[in-house]
N, C-alpha and C. Protein backbone atom coordinates (compact mmCIF):
# COMPACT_ATOMS: atom_id res chain seq x y z
N MET A 1 102.51 121.83 46.99
CA MET A 1 101.71 121.44 48.12
C MET A 1 101.70 119.75 48.53
N ILE A 2 101.28 119.14 47.58
CA ILE A 2 100.90 117.40 47.75
C ILE A 2 102.23 117.04 48.10
N ALA A 3 103.12 117.47 47.23
CA ALA A 3 104.74 116.58 47.70
C ALA A 3 105.41 116.93 48.85
N ALA A 4 104.82 118.59 49.29
CA ALA A 4 104.99 118.86 50.57
C ALA A 4 104.90 118.14 51.47
N LYS A 5 103.31 118.06 51.63
CA LYS A 5 102.35 117.10 52.94
C LYS A 5 102.67 116.01 52.78
N SER A 6 102.93 115.50 51.54
CA SER A 6 103.49 113.79 51.37
C SER A 6 104.86 113.23 52.24
N THR A 7 105.81 114.23 52.05
CA THR A 7 107.19 114.21 52.60
C THR A 7 107.16 114.81 54.15
N THR A 8 106.01 115.21 54.67
CA THR A 8 106.16 115.44 55.76
C THR A 8 105.05 114.35 56.52
N MET A 9 104.36 113.59 55.96
CA MET A 9 103.97 112.26 56.45
C MET A 9 105.07 111.25 56.63
N VAL A 10 105.64 111.18 55.56
CA VAL A 10 106.93 110.05 55.86
C VAL A 10 107.82 110.36 57.10
N LEU A 11 108.23 111.79 57.02
CA LEU A 11 108.90 112.32 58.20
C LEU A 11 108.28 111.89 59.57
N CYS A 12 107.14 112.23 59.50
CA CYS A 12 106.04 111.44 60.64
C CYS A 12 105.94 110.48 61.24
N ALA A 13 106.12 109.55 59.80
CA ALA A 13 105.85 108.08 60.28
C ALA A 13 107.36 107.05 60.46
N LEU A 14 108.55 108.06 59.98
CA LEU A 14 109.38 107.51 60.86
C LEU A 14 109.69 108.02 61.90
N ALA A 15 109.40 109.37 62.50
CA ALA A 15 109.81 109.67 64.15
C ALA A 15 108.67 108.64 64.77
N LEU A 16 107.50 108.43 64.24
CA LEU A 16 107.08 107.42 65.24
C LEU A 16 107.90 105.92 65.41
N ALA A 17 107.97 105.81 64.32
CA ALA A 17 108.93 104.23 64.38
C ALA A 17 109.53 104.47 65.38
N THR A 18 110.35 105.50 65.21
CA THR A 18 111.83 105.69 66.42
C THR A 18 111.30 105.82 67.50
N THR A 19 110.04 106.17 67.83
CA THR A 19 109.50 106.35 68.87
C THR A 19 109.34 105.17 69.59
N THR A 20 108.48 104.40 68.74
CA THR A 20 108.05 103.15 69.32
C THR A 20 108.69 102.29 69.61
N ALA A 21 110.21 102.33 69.10
CA ALA A 21 111.20 101.53 69.45
C ALA A 21 112.18 102.00 70.35
N SER A 22 112.24 102.90 70.77
CA SER A 22 112.75 103.84 71.96
C SER A 22 112.48 103.21 72.90
N ALA A 23 113.45 103.99 74.06
CA ALA A 23 112.81 103.32 75.63
C ALA A 23 111.26 104.36 75.98
N GLN A 24 110.61 103.94 76.83
CA GLN A 24 109.27 104.06 77.03
C GLN A 24 109.64 104.72 78.55
N THR A 25 108.35 105.94 78.75
CA THR A 25 108.60 106.96 80.21
C THR A 25 107.32 106.19 80.89
N TYR A 26 107.13 106.20 81.68
CA TYR A 26 105.89 105.92 82.38
C TYR A 26 105.75 106.98 83.43
N VAL A 27 104.67 107.54 83.77
CA VAL A 27 104.12 108.55 84.43
C VAL A 27 103.19 108.27 85.31
N TYR A 28 103.68 108.57 86.98
CA TYR A 28 102.59 108.11 87.97
C TYR A 28 102.04 109.69 88.16
N GLN A 29 100.74 110.23 88.11
CA GLN A 29 100.50 111.84 88.03
C GLN A 29 99.79 111.95 89.29
N PHE A 30 100.13 112.34 90.23
CA PHE A 30 98.96 112.90 91.40
C PHE A 30 98.54 114.36 91.25
N ASP A 31 97.05 114.38 91.59
CA ASP A 31 96.23 115.95 91.45
C ASP A 31 95.87 116.10 92.74
N ALA A 32 96.11 117.35 93.64
CA ALA A 32 95.91 117.75 94.48
C ALA A 32 94.36 117.70 95.03
N ALA A 33 93.48 118.17 93.90
CA ALA A 33 92.03 117.61 94.28
C ALA A 33 91.85 116.40 94.57
N SER A 34 92.32 115.34 94.25
CA SER A 34 92.12 113.96 94.29
C SER A 34 92.98 113.29 95.84
N SER A 35 94.30 113.65 95.57
CA SER A 35 95.11 112.93 96.50
C SER A 35 95.93 113.70 97.74
N GLY A 36 95.58 115.29 97.69
CA GLY A 36 96.25 116.13 98.37
C GLY A 36 97.22 116.78 97.85
N VAL A 37 98.26 115.54 96.97
CA VAL A 37 99.61 115.78 96.34
C VAL A 37 99.67 116.32 94.87
N GLN A 38 100.75 116.93 94.54
CA GLN A 38 100.37 117.45 93.25
C GLN A 38 101.60 117.70 92.69
N GLY A 39 101.61 116.84 91.21
CA GLY A 39 102.58 116.39 90.56
C GLY A 39 103.32 114.98 89.94
N ASN A 40 104.10 114.61 90.00
CA ASN A 40 104.47 113.29 89.49
C ASN A 40 105.66 112.60 89.91
N ILE A 41 105.73 111.23 89.52
CA ILE A 41 106.99 110.41 89.55
C ILE A 41 107.15 109.94 88.32
N LYS A 42 107.86 110.24 87.47
CA LYS A 42 108.22 109.58 85.78
C LYS A 42 109.57 108.67 86.00
N VAL A 43 109.27 107.34 85.30
CA VAL A 43 110.14 106.55 85.24
C VAL A 43 110.38 106.41 83.81
N GLN A 44 111.87 106.70 83.38
CA GLN A 44 111.95 106.35 82.16
C GLN A 44 113.46 105.44 81.99
N TYR A 45 112.83 104.82 81.29
CA TYR A 45 114.02 103.22 80.78
C TYR A 45 115.17 103.93 80.08
N ALA A 46 116.31 103.32 80.26
CA ALA A 46 117.50 103.95 79.34
C ALA A 46 117.36 103.17 78.30
N ALA A 47 116.66 101.89 77.64
CA ALA A 47 116.64 101.28 76.27
C ALA A 47 115.62 100.38 76.40
N PRO A 48 115.03 100.02 75.03
CA PRO A 48 113.96 98.75 75.34
C PRO A 48 114.98 97.76 75.91
N ASP A 49 113.81 96.88 76.90
CA ASP A 49 114.09 95.49 77.43
C ASP A 49 115.20 95.67 78.43
N SER A 50 115.55 97.06 78.69
CA SER A 50 116.48 97.68 79.70
C SER A 50 115.91 97.59 81.18
N SER A 51 116.50 97.27 82.52
CA SER A 51 116.19 97.34 83.70
C SER A 51 116.84 98.24 84.28
N LYS A 52 117.50 98.98 83.44
CA LYS A 52 118.27 100.41 84.15
C LYS A 52 117.02 101.58 83.83
N ALA A 53 116.86 102.18 84.72
CA ALA A 53 115.94 103.30 84.55
C ALA A 53 116.20 104.66 85.89
N SER A 54 115.65 105.45 84.77
CA SER A 54 115.88 106.93 85.76
C SER A 54 114.64 107.13 86.17
N ILE A 55 114.46 107.48 87.64
CA ILE A 55 113.26 107.91 88.41
C ILE A 55 113.23 109.37 89.00
N THR A 56 112.47 110.02 88.36
CA THR A 56 112.32 111.49 88.98
C THR A 56 110.99 111.64 89.64
N ALA A 57 111.25 112.25 90.63
CA ALA A 57 109.85 112.44 91.74
C ALA A 57 110.06 114.38 91.70
N ASP A 58 108.39 115.07 91.35
CA ASP A 58 108.41 116.29 91.50
C ASP A 58 107.40 116.38 91.79
N LEU A 59 107.10 116.66 93.35
CA LEU A 59 105.84 116.51 93.97
C LEU A 59 106.06 117.68 94.82
N ASP A 60 104.65 118.25 95.01
CA ASP A 60 104.39 119.41 95.91
C ASP A 60 102.91 118.48 97.11
N PHE A 61 103.50 118.80 98.22
CA PHE A 61 102.82 118.19 99.57
C PHE A 61 101.96 119.29 99.80
N ALA A 62 101.94 120.66 99.79
CA ALA A 62 101.90 121.69 100.40
C ALA A 62 99.83 121.77 100.92
N LYS A 63 99.52 121.07 100.43
CA LYS A 63 97.78 120.94 100.15
C LYS A 63 97.52 119.41 101.06
N VAL A 64 98.51 118.56 101.32
CA VAL A 64 98.02 117.43 101.88
C VAL A 64 97.65 117.94 103.43
N ASP A 65 96.35 117.09 103.94
CA ASP A 65 95.90 117.58 105.20
C ASP A 65 96.31 117.06 106.20
N LEU A 66 96.73 117.71 107.20
CA LEU A 66 97.86 116.74 108.30
C LEU A 66 96.80 116.21 109.34
N ALA A 67 95.64 117.02 109.52
CA ALA A 67 94.85 116.27 110.15
C ALA A 67 94.13 114.96 110.18
N GLU A 68 93.98 114.89 108.15
CA GLU A 68 93.74 113.47 107.67
C GLU A 68 94.93 112.37 108.20
N ILE A 69 95.93 112.66 108.12
CA ILE A 69 97.23 111.92 108.58
C ILE A 69 97.24 111.62 110.08
N GLN A 70 96.86 112.55 110.81
CA GLN A 70 96.67 112.05 112.20
C GLN A 70 95.39 111.44 112.52
N LYS A 71 94.22 111.41 111.61
CA LYS A 71 93.31 110.25 111.76
C LYS A 71 93.60 109.24 111.32
N ALA A 72 94.21 108.95 110.27
CA ALA A 72 94.86 107.76 109.75
C ALA A 72 96.14 107.09 110.98
N ASP A 73 96.49 107.90 111.37
CA ASP A 73 97.51 107.14 112.38
C ASP A 73 98.12 108.20 113.61
N ALA A 74 97.22 108.07 114.63
CA ALA A 74 97.33 109.09 115.93
C ALA A 74 98.82 109.12 116.64
N ASN A 75 99.83 108.64 115.93
CA ASN A 75 100.95 108.58 116.26
C ASN A 75 101.92 109.48 115.33
N CYS A 76 101.07 110.50 114.22
CA CYS A 76 101.83 111.15 113.58
C CYS A 76 101.31 112.72 113.89
N THR A 77 102.11 113.08 114.98
CA THR A 77 101.64 114.26 115.57
C THR A 77 102.34 115.29 115.22
N GLY A 78 103.04 115.40 114.73
CA GLY A 78 103.62 116.66 114.15
C GLY A 78 103.67 116.90 112.54
N ASP A 79 104.60 117.91 112.09
CA ASP A 79 104.60 117.71 110.30
C ASP A 79 105.23 116.61 110.15
N VAL A 80 104.68 115.93 108.76
CA VAL A 80 105.61 115.22 108.29
C VAL A 80 106.58 115.53 106.93
N THR A 81 107.62 115.37 107.16
CA THR A 81 108.91 115.89 106.29
C THR A 81 109.76 115.23 105.65
N ALA A 82 109.00 113.87 105.61
CA ALA A 82 109.86 112.45 104.19
C ALA A 82 108.17 111.46 104.20
N TYR A 83 108.46 110.77 103.15
CA TYR A 83 107.86 109.79 102.32
C TYR A 83 108.24 108.90 102.42
N LYS A 84 107.73 107.37 102.74
CA LYS A 84 108.08 106.30 101.92
C LYS A 84 107.24 106.23 100.72
N TRP A 85 107.69 105.43 99.54
CA TRP A 85 107.34 105.45 98.38
C TRP A 85 107.64 104.02 97.63
N HIS A 86 106.35 103.42 97.17
CA HIS A 86 106.64 101.67 96.79
C HIS A 86 105.57 101.53 95.58
N ILE A 87 106.30 100.99 94.73
CA ILE A 87 105.13 100.20 93.78
C ILE A 87 104.21 99.64 94.38
N HIS A 88 102.58 99.60 94.57
CA HIS A 88 101.94 98.61 95.00
C HIS A 88 101.21 97.91 93.71
N VAL A 89 100.51 96.87 93.58
CA VAL A 89 100.01 95.94 93.18
C VAL A 89 98.77 95.75 92.62
N LYS A 90 97.99 96.79 93.10
CA LYS A 90 96.40 96.16 93.31
C LYS A 90 95.68 98.13 93.01
N TRP A 91 94.50 97.87 92.39
CA TRP A 91 93.99 99.29 92.22
C TRP A 91 92.39 99.36 92.18
N SER A 92 91.89 99.95 92.97
CA SER A 92 90.48 99.83 93.32
C SER A 92 89.63 101.30 92.94
N SER A 93 90.22 102.51 92.97
CA SER A 93 89.48 103.93 92.66
C SER A 93 88.96 103.83 91.20
N PRO A 94 87.96 104.41 91.06
CA PRO A 94 87.32 104.89 89.94
C PRO A 94 88.67 106.09 89.32
N LYS A 95 89.19 106.85 90.11
CA LYS A 95 90.27 107.74 89.75
C LYS A 95 91.47 107.21 89.14
N THR A 96 92.37 108.00 89.12
CA THR A 96 93.59 107.75 88.48
C THR A 96 94.77 107.92 89.75
N ASN A 97 94.07 108.82 90.61
CA ASN A 97 95.18 108.79 91.60
C ASN A 97 93.96 109.11 93.29
N ASP A 98 94.08 108.94 94.23
CA ASP A 98 93.44 108.93 95.17
C ASP A 98 94.18 109.17 96.50
N LYS A 99 93.46 108.95 97.89
CA LYS A 99 94.26 109.17 98.85
C LYS A 99 93.36 108.16 100.03
N PHE A 100 94.19 108.48 101.16
CA PHE A 100 94.18 107.16 102.24
C PHE A 100 93.41 106.47 102.10
N GLY A 101 91.99 105.89 102.50
CA GLY A 101 91.19 104.52 102.31
C GLY A 101 91.11 104.07 101.30
N MET A 102 91.48 104.95 100.12
CA MET A 102 91.23 104.12 98.78
C MET A 102 92.71 103.79 98.32
N CYS A 103 93.72 103.99 99.21
CA CYS A 103 95.25 103.57 98.97
C CYS A 103 95.49 102.46 100.24
N SER A 104 94.55 102.08 100.54
CA SER A 104 94.65 101.13 101.60
C SER A 104 95.27 99.46 101.16
N LEU A 105 95.22 98.48 102.03
CA LEU A 105 96.09 97.37 101.64
C LEU A 105 94.93 96.51 100.52
N ALA A 106 93.49 96.74 100.98
CA ALA A 106 92.30 96.31 100.75
C ALA A 106 92.30 96.38 99.09
N ASN A 107 92.53 97.86 98.97
CA ASN A 107 92.34 99.13 97.51
C ASN A 107 93.37 99.01 96.50
N ALA A 108 94.55 98.95 97.01
CA ALA A 108 95.74 99.01 96.76
C ALA A 108 97.16 97.81 96.98
N GLY A 109 96.63 97.03 97.52
CA GLY A 109 97.63 95.81 97.79
C GLY A 109 98.97 96.29 98.42
N ASN A 110 99.98 95.26 98.38
CA ASN A 110 101.18 95.71 98.97
C ASN A 110 102.32 95.63 97.81
N HIS A 111 103.28 95.72 98.54
CA HIS A 111 104.90 95.94 97.02
C HIS A 111 105.15 94.65 96.18
N TYR A 112 105.21 94.92 94.92
CA TYR A 112 105.37 94.37 94.25
C TYR A 112 106.88 93.69 94.11
N ASP A 113 107.04 92.24 94.23
CA ASP A 113 107.68 91.21 95.11
C ASP A 113 107.94 90.09 93.89
N PRO A 114 108.12 90.06 92.60
CA PRO A 114 107.77 89.03 92.38
C PRO A 114 108.89 87.95 92.40
N THR A 115 110.02 88.41 92.85
CA THR A 115 111.10 87.51 93.60
C THR A 115 111.30 86.77 94.84
N PHE A 116 110.07 87.09 95.66
CA PHE A 116 110.04 86.79 97.17
C PHE A 116 111.25 87.11 97.91
N ALA A 117 111.36 88.33 97.36
CA ALA A 117 112.21 89.10 98.54
C ALA A 117 111.78 89.21 100.20
N CYS A 118 110.68 89.16 100.20
CA CYS A 118 109.36 88.96 101.35
C CYS A 118 109.80 90.07 102.38
N GLY A 119 109.60 91.51 102.12
CA GLY A 119 109.25 92.28 103.31
C GLY A 119 108.20 91.84 104.08
N PRO A 120 107.95 92.86 105.04
CA PRO A 120 106.59 92.58 105.57
C PRO A 120 105.22 93.15 105.17
N ALA A 121 105.63 94.22 104.27
CA ALA A 121 104.40 94.55 103.03
C ALA A 121 104.66 93.79 101.61
N SER A 122 105.36 92.86 101.63
CA SER A 122 105.40 92.18 100.17
C SER A 122 103.96 91.89 99.68
N GLU A 123 103.88 91.78 98.55
CA GLU A 123 102.41 90.88 97.71
C GLU A 123 102.24 89.72 98.29
N TYR A 124 103.51 88.81 98.83
CA TYR A 124 103.28 87.80 99.30
C TYR A 124 103.68 87.33 100.45
N PHE A 125 102.84 88.47 101.55
CA PHE A 125 103.33 88.45 102.49
C PHE A 125 102.91 87.10 103.33
N GLN A 126 101.61 86.69 102.90
CA GLN A 126 101.39 85.38 103.58
C GLN A 126 101.48 84.47 102.93
N ASP A 127 102.28 84.14 101.98
CA ASP A 127 102.51 82.90 101.05
C ASP A 127 103.82 82.15 102.47
N PRO A 128 103.57 80.97 102.31
CA PRO A 128 104.91 80.18 102.95
C PRO A 128 105.88 80.26 102.66
N LYS A 129 106.26 80.86 101.56
CA LYS A 129 107.53 81.06 101.16
C LYS A 129 108.20 82.44 101.78
N CYS A 130 107.31 83.33 102.09
CA CYS A 130 107.71 84.22 102.82
C CYS A 130 107.79 84.37 104.54
N ALA A 131 107.42 83.17 104.91
CA ALA A 131 107.33 82.59 106.58
C ALA A 131 108.68 82.94 107.32
N ASP A 132 109.59 82.77 106.98
CA ASP A 132 111.11 82.56 107.14
C ASP A 132 111.98 83.87 106.88
N LYS A 133 111.21 84.50 105.97
CA LYS A 133 112.07 85.75 105.40
C LYS A 133 111.52 86.97 106.25
N ILE A 134 110.61 87.14 106.41
CA ILE A 134 109.74 88.62 106.77
C ILE A 134 110.72 89.07 107.83
N LYS A 135 111.10 88.25 108.86
CA LYS A 135 112.03 89.11 109.90
C LYS A 135 113.17 89.19 109.78
N SER A 136 113.92 88.90 108.63
CA SER A 136 115.17 89.16 108.36
C SER A 136 115.05 90.05 107.15
N TYR A 137 114.30 90.26 106.36
CA TYR A 137 114.24 91.52 105.48
C TYR A 137 115.22 92.54 105.99
N ALA A 138 115.97 93.24 105.21
CA ALA A 138 116.86 93.94 105.61
C ALA A 138 117.07 94.82 103.85
N CYS A 139 116.33 95.98 103.72
CA CYS A 139 116.40 96.54 102.39
C CYS A 139 116.72 98.10 102.56
N ASN A 140 117.86 98.40 102.21
CA ASN A 140 118.36 99.26 102.68
C ASN A 140 119.17 99.59 101.24
N PRO A 141 119.45 100.93 101.18
CA PRO A 141 120.49 101.38 100.07
C PRO A 141 121.94 100.69 99.88
N ALA A 142 122.38 100.41 100.96
CA ALA A 142 123.72 99.87 101.14
C ALA A 142 123.68 98.63 100.54
N ASN A 143 122.97 97.66 101.39
CA ASN A 143 122.43 96.44 101.05
C ASN A 143 121.94 96.17 99.51
N TYR A 144 121.16 96.94 98.96
CA TYR A 144 121.11 96.92 97.40
C TYR A 144 122.02 96.76 96.34
N ALA A 145 122.79 98.19 96.66
CA ALA A 145 123.87 98.28 95.51
C ALA A 145 124.96 96.95 95.38
N ALA A 146 124.52 96.13 96.73
CA ALA A 146 125.51 95.09 97.06
C ALA A 146 125.15 93.63 96.32
N ASP A 147 123.80 93.90 96.45
CA ASP A 147 122.78 92.50 96.22
C ASP A 147 121.48 93.09 96.20
N ALA A 148 121.01 93.24 94.50
CA ALA A 148 119.90 93.84 94.59
C ALA A 148 118.48 92.95 94.88
N SER A 149 118.48 91.32 95.00
CA SER A 149 117.76 90.70 95.43
C SER A 149 117.38 90.72 97.05
N LYS A 150 118.24 91.39 97.60
CA LYS A 150 118.03 92.09 99.19
C LYS A 150 116.58 92.89 99.26
N CYS A 151 115.89 93.44 97.95
CA CYS A 151 114.64 94.29 98.53
C CYS A 151 113.87 93.77 97.17
N GLU A 152 112.48 93.80 97.61
CA GLU A 152 111.35 93.80 96.52
C GLU A 152 111.70 94.72 95.50
N LYS A 153 111.30 94.48 94.36
CA LYS A 153 111.26 95.27 93.32
C LYS A 153 110.62 96.25 93.48
N GLY A 154 109.41 96.05 94.10
CA GLY A 154 108.64 97.62 94.63
C GLY A 154 108.96 98.33 95.70
N ASP A 155 110.11 98.17 96.25
CA ASP A 155 110.27 98.51 97.69
C ASP A 155 110.99 99.88 97.21
N LEU A 156 110.83 101.13 96.74
CA LEU A 156 111.89 102.21 96.40
C LEU A 156 112.21 102.73 97.25
N SER A 157 111.44 102.81 98.56
CA SER A 157 112.12 103.70 99.47
C SER A 157 112.99 102.83 100.48
N GLY A 158 113.35 101.79 100.12
CA GLY A 158 114.02 100.66 100.45
C GLY A 158 115.40 100.86 99.91
N LYS A 159 114.92 100.71 98.61
CA LYS A 159 116.43 100.77 97.64
C LYS A 159 117.08 102.28 97.82
N TYR A 160 116.42 103.40 97.63
CA TYR A 160 116.63 104.87 97.35
C TYR A 160 116.96 105.69 98.66
N GLY A 161 115.96 105.05 99.90
CA GLY A 161 115.76 106.11 101.07
C GLY A 161 114.56 106.67 100.43
N GLU A 162 114.23 107.62 101.82
CA GLU A 162 112.94 107.92 102.18
C GLU A 162 113.22 109.68 100.91
N MET A 163 112.22 109.88 100.56
CA MET A 163 112.12 111.19 100.07
C MET A 163 111.95 112.26 100.87
N LYS A 164 112.41 113.52 101.09
CA LYS A 164 112.89 114.45 102.09
C LYS A 164 112.05 115.69 101.41
N LEU A 165 110.91 116.36 102.34
CA LEU A 165 110.54 117.43 101.76
C LEU A 165 111.57 118.59 102.09
N ASP A 166 111.43 119.67 101.37
CA ASP A 166 112.15 120.62 101.23
C ASP A 166 111.45 121.96 102.39
N GLY A 167 111.80 123.17 102.46
CA GLY A 167 111.11 123.94 103.06
C GLY A 167 109.95 124.57 102.45
N ASN A 168 109.72 124.09 101.26
CA ASN A 168 108.19 124.36 100.85
C ASN A 168 107.55 123.47 100.57
N LYS A 169 107.57 122.30 101.06
CA LYS A 169 106.67 121.08 101.21
C LYS A 169 107.20 120.52 99.69
N LYS A 170 108.17 120.83 99.24
CA LYS A 170 108.28 119.94 97.69
C LYS A 170 108.97 118.97 97.93
N ILE A 171 109.39 118.03 96.46
CA ILE A 171 110.41 116.80 96.43
C ILE A 171 110.53 117.08 95.13
N ARG A 172 111.53 117.51 94.96
CA ARG A 172 112.58 116.99 93.48
C ARG A 172 113.71 116.37 93.57
N MET A 173 113.47 115.22 92.95
CA MET A 173 114.63 113.96 93.15
C MET A 173 115.20 113.38 92.02
N THR A 174 116.06 112.64 91.46
CA THR A 174 116.38 111.85 90.75
C THR A 174 117.33 110.70 91.17
N TRP A 175 116.80 109.49 90.70
CA TRP A 175 117.65 108.60 91.05
C TRP A 175 117.72 107.70 89.84
N THR A 176 118.93 106.82 89.47
CA THR A 176 118.86 105.96 88.89
C THR A 176 119.11 104.53 89.33
N ASP A 177 118.37 103.51 88.79
CA ASP A 177 117.87 102.08 89.17
C ASP A 177 118.44 101.23 88.37
N ASN A 178 119.51 100.24 88.37
CA ASN A 178 119.67 99.29 87.55
C ASN A 178 119.30 98.01 87.61
N HIS A 179 118.52 97.66 88.23
CA HIS A 179 117.38 97.05 88.56
C HIS A 179 115.95 96.96 88.44
N PHE A 180 115.55 98.20 87.98
CA PHE A 180 114.14 98.18 87.62
C PHE A 180 113.54 96.97 87.43
N PRO A 181 112.20 97.21 87.47
CA PRO A 181 111.31 96.35 86.86
C PRO A 181 111.42 96.55 85.59
N LEU A 182 111.17 95.10 84.58
CA LEU A 182 111.31 95.59 83.51
C LEU A 182 110.17 95.79 82.58
N GLU A 183 109.99 96.98 81.42
CA GLU A 183 108.82 97.43 81.19
C GLU A 183 108.09 96.42 80.81
N LYS A 184 107.93 95.31 80.35
CA LYS A 184 107.22 94.23 79.84
C LYS A 184 106.73 93.33 81.43
N GLU A 185 107.09 93.99 82.65
CA GLU A 185 106.64 93.70 84.08
C GLU A 185 105.32 94.37 84.36
N PHE A 186 104.94 95.54 83.78
CA PHE A 186 104.22 97.00 83.98
C PHE A 186 102.84 95.94 83.84
N ALA A 187 102.03 96.63 84.70
CA ALA A 187 100.61 96.15 84.81
C ALA A 187 100.01 97.78 84.96
N PRO A 188 98.88 97.67 84.49
CA PRO A 188 98.07 98.96 84.47
C PRO A 188 97.53 98.86 85.99
N GLN A 189 97.15 98.07 87.26
CA GLN A 189 97.08 98.46 88.16
C GLN A 189 98.15 98.88 89.01
N TRP A 190 99.49 98.76 88.86
CA TRP A 190 100.64 99.27 89.44
C TRP A 190 100.14 100.64 90.05
N ASN A 191 100.42 101.02 91.08
CA ASN A 191 100.56 102.45 91.69
C ASN A 191 101.82 102.64 92.26
N MET A 192 101.63 104.15 92.27
CA MET A 192 103.08 104.50 92.97
C MET A 192 102.07 104.82 94.54
N LEU A 193 103.12 104.19 95.81
CA LEU A 193 101.94 104.52 97.05
C LEU A 193 102.89 105.46 97.95
N LEU A 194 102.64 106.58 98.25
CA LEU A 194 103.65 107.65 99.32
C LEU A 194 102.48 107.52 100.70
N HIS A 195 103.74 107.05 101.42
CA HIS A 195 103.34 106.69 103.16
C HIS A 195 104.05 107.70 103.98
N ALA A 196 103.13 108.32 104.84
CA ALA A 196 104.29 109.46 105.56
C ALA A 196 105.07 108.70 106.30
N SER A 197 106.20 109.26 106.66
CA SER A 197 107.02 108.78 107.42
C SER A 197 107.05 109.35 109.00
N CYS A 198 106.03 108.72 109.22
CA CYS A 198 105.77 108.88 110.98
C CYS A 198 104.72 107.59 111.39
N GLY A 199 104.88 107.53 112.88
CA GLY A 199 104.06 106.49 113.48
C GLY A 199 104.01 104.82 112.54
N LYS A 200 103.05 104.44 112.04
CA LYS A 200 103.18 103.06 111.37
C LYS A 200 103.25 103.56 109.97
N ALA A 201 103.49 104.65 109.28
CA ALA A 201 103.62 104.95 108.01
C ALA A 201 102.44 104.78 107.36
N PRO A 202 101.25 105.54 107.87
CA PRO A 202 99.64 105.62 107.24
C PRO A 202 100.11 105.67 105.53
N ARG A 203 99.36 105.24 104.69
CA ARG A 203 99.21 105.61 103.25
C ARG A 203 98.61 106.83 103.31
N VAL A 204 99.01 107.77 102.16
CA VAL A 204 98.72 108.65 102.09
C VAL A 204 98.14 109.51 100.91
N ALA A 205 98.71 108.95 99.73
CA ALA A 205 98.60 109.11 98.33
C ALA A 205 98.75 107.91 97.50
N CYS A 206 98.18 107.72 96.74
CA CYS A 206 98.55 106.72 95.39
C CYS A 206 97.85 107.31 94.28
N ALA A 207 98.78 106.81 93.14
CA ALA A 207 98.61 107.10 91.70
C ALA A 207 98.93 105.94 90.94
N ILE A 208 98.15 105.33 89.68
CA ILE A 208 98.63 104.75 88.70
C ILE A 208 99.58 104.84 87.81
N GLY A 209 99.85 104.01 87.02
CA GLY A 209 101.04 104.47 86.28
C GLY A 209 100.55 104.72 84.60
N LYS A 210 100.47 105.34 83.85
CA LYS A 210 100.18 105.56 82.38
C LYS A 210 101.65 105.87 81.50
N LYS A 211 101.74 105.01 80.70
CA LYS A 211 102.71 105.01 79.80
C LYS A 211 102.83 106.65 78.88
N GLU A 212 103.28 107.21 78.87
CA GLU A 212 104.02 108.51 78.17
C GLU A 212 103.75 108.62 76.81
N THR A 213 103.00 109.35 75.97
CA THR A 213 102.68 109.05 74.70
C THR A 213 102.93 111.00 74.37
N LYS A 214 103.63 110.97 73.16
CA LYS A 214 103.50 112.00 72.15
C LYS A 214 103.30 111.74 71.01
N ASP A 215 102.07 112.89 70.88
CA ASP A 215 101.36 113.20 69.69
C ASP A 215 102.06 113.50 68.43
N LEU A 216 102.62 112.86 67.75
CA LEU A 216 103.39 113.35 66.61
C LEU A 216 102.53 113.61 65.32
N CYS A 217 102.49 115.17 64.52
CA CYS A 217 102.02 115.02 63.56
C CYS A 217 100.39 115.57 63.61
N LEU A 218 99.73 115.79 64.76
CA LEU A 218 98.89 116.02 64.99
C LEU A 218 98.31 117.22 63.93
N ASP A 219 98.71 118.09 63.12
CA ASP A 219 98.70 119.13 62.30
C ASP A 219 98.09 118.47 61.18
N GLN A 220 98.88 117.16 61.12
CA GLN A 220 98.76 116.77 59.58
C GLN A 220 97.50 116.15 59.40
């Protein structure tokens, strides 16, 4: 019995070491009770220290309050059928996901942009380095595929396009990015922010990222 338990513990230790050395997954979890959106966006790295990542969105917008969106932006007069999404760099909410005012510029910051690609919503939009770049910023899937420096690292909808809702107000999509921010760049205040694709793109929901951990050998 002792030998069997010892063997199991060794196997657990080996499994843990393998997991630690393997690529990591980060989960941005949304809860309808907090943000109106249910589900998550997962970022899974292909390998340690790799910029290649798979990004998967599994989201349900059925409980998002259209009246709140219209209150945030009076130009959003109809159903929202798509969302823009970005990595933002600030977090002020006491919760792990939130909505509207708590996703504002003051509370959630702007797009992650360490290379100064300088879109109008870059974290450095007020920096002199961006003064001459903002008007010419042109991040779209075609430009990004040709030259990754055309996009802010956090401008995900610029890189891959908007997320489109299906007939049930759900999104289930996967993208592969060869130039995603490295895992070592990750900061605990990073949040995935969802903008309604209407009017001036009001900020609807936001959620911080957490490293996904697997509890190995809990019964040992």
